[in-house]
C-alpha atoms as a PDB file:
ATOM      1  CA  MET A   1     131.382 217.913  25.164  1.00  0.00           C
ATOM      2  CA  LEU A   2     130.152 221.304  26.280  1.00  0.00           C
ATOM      3  CA  GLU A   3     128.469 222.027  22.935  1.00  0.00           C
ATOM      4  CA  GLN A   4     126.846 218.596  22.614  1.00  0.00           C
ATOM      5  CA  THR A   5     125.747 217.880  26.177  1.00  0.00           C
ATOM      6  CA  GLY A   6     126.196 221.134  28.068  1.00  0.00           C
ATOM      7  CA  LEU A   7     128.581 219.385  30.476  1.00  0.00           C
ATOM      8  CA  LYS A   8     132.129 220.414  31.244  1.00  0.00           C
ATOM      9  CA  VAL A   9     134.273 217.289  31.369  1.00  0.00           C
ATOM     10  CA  SER A  10     137.867 217.266  32.578  1.00  0.00           C
ATOM     11  CA  ASN A  11     140.696 215.266  31.058  1.00  0.00           C
ATOM     12  CA  LEU A  12     140.897 213.347  34.342  1.00  0.00           C
ATOM     13  CA  TYR A  13     137.360 212.025  33.885  1.00  0.00           C
ATOM     14  CA  ILE A  14     138.046 211.055  30.278  1.00  0.00           C
ATOM     15  CA  ALA A  15     141.187 209.181  31.358  1.00  0.00           C
ATOM     16  CA  GLN A  16     139.240 207.364  34.115  1.00  0.00           C
ATOM     17  CA  ILE A  17     136.619 206.178  31.624  1.00  0.00           C
ATOM     18  CA  LYS A  18     139.250 205.136  29.073  1.00  0.00           C
ATOM     19  CA  LYS A  19     141.000 203.069  31.770  1.00  0.00           C
ATOM     20  CA  LYS A  20     137.664 201.550  32.756  1.00  0.00           C
ATOM     21  CA  CYS A  21     137.153 200.460  29.123  1.00  0.00           C
ATOM     22  CA  GLY A  22     140.687 199.036  28.951  1.00  0.00           C
ATOM     23  CA  LEU A  23     141.950 201.643  26.501  1.00  0.00           C
ATOM     24  CA  ASP A  24     145.507 202.960  26.436  1.00  0.00           C
ATOM     25  CA  VAL A  25     146.007 206.168  28.395  1.00  0.00           C
ATOM     26  CA  GLY A  26     149.096 208.335  28.036  1.00  0.00           C
ATOM     27  CA  GLU A  27     151.621 208.790  30.813  1.00  0.00           C
ATOM     28  CA  ASN A  28     150.757 211.396  33.427  1.00  0.00           C
ATOM     29  CA  PHE A  29     153.533 213.892  34.061  1.00  0.00           C
ATOM     30  CA  ASN A  30     151.602 215.794  36.763  1.00  0.00           C
ATOM     31  CA  LEU A  31     151.970 213.196  39.475  1.00  0.00           C
ATOM     32  CA  PRO A  32     150.547 213.925  42.946  1.00  0.00           C
ATOM     33  CA  LYS A  33     153.003 214.991  45.619  1.00  0.00           C
ATOM     34  CA  SER A  34     151.584 212.606  48.214  1.00  0.00           C
ATOM     35  CA  GLU A  35     150.896 208.921  47.687  1.00  0.00           C
ATOM     36  CA  ASN A  36     147.350 208.989  49.061  1.00  0.00           C
ATOM     37  CA  ALA A  37     146.070 212.043  47.170  1.00  0.00           C
ATOM     38  CA  LYS A  38     142.323 211.983  46.521  1.00  0.00           C
ATOM     39  CA  GLN A  39     141.008 211.950  42.964  1.00  0.00           C
ATOM     40  CA  PRO A  40     137.469 213.053  42.217  1.00  0.00           C
ATOM     41  CA  LYS A  41     135.236 210.370  40.729  1.00  0.00           C
ATOM     42  CA  CYS A  42     133.332 210.857  37.508  1.00  0.00           C
ATOM     43  CA  THR A  43     129.560 211.227  37.938  1.00  0.00           C
ATOM     44  CA  PRO A  44     127.316 208.711  36.141  1.00  0.00           C
ATOM     45  CA  GLU A  45     125.871 211.502  33.982  1.00  0.00           C
ATOM     46  CA  LYS A  46     129.306 212.581  32.777  1.00  0.00           C
ATOM     47  CA  GLU A  47     130.422 208.971  32.389  1.00  0.00           C
ATOM     48  CA  GLU A  48     127.520 208.305  30.007  1.00  0.00           C
ATOM     49  CA  ALA A  49     128.339 211.452  27.996  1.00  0.00           C
ATOM     50  CA  ILE A  50     132.000 210.412  27.688  1.00  0.00           C
ATOM     51  CA  MET A  51     130.992 206.891  26.619  1.00  0.00           C
ATOM     52  CA  GLN A  52     128.743 208.338  23.908  1.00  0.00           C
ATOM     53  CA  ALA A  53     131.567 210.579  22.679  1.00  0.00           C
ATOM     54  CA  LEU A  54     134.029 207.670  22.560  1.00  0.00           C
ATOM     55  CA  LYS A  55     131.504 205.622  20.577  1.00  0.00           C
ATOM     56  CA  HIS A  56     130.833 208.573  18.245  1.00  0.00           C
ATOM     57  CA  PHE A  57     134.531 208.909  17.396  1.00  0.00           C
ATOM     58  CA  GLY A  58     134.948 205.141  16.957  1.00  0.00           C
ATOM     59  CA  ILE A  59     137.310 204.728  19.883  1.00  0.00           C
ATOM     60  CA  ILE A  60     135.185 201.999  21.432  1.00  0.00           C
END
């Protein structure tokens, strides 16, 4: 992602977009310690870049 778009994208953002598309996401072993832990939301710019990458690799 960094080479193609110049954006650093975390695995969390990729997982959020995959869930949004209804794709299977692996089990998370790094569970939060509190039930109401905040998760950062993916920006629209990064979301579009992730969608393009998923389309490029034939995932969606």
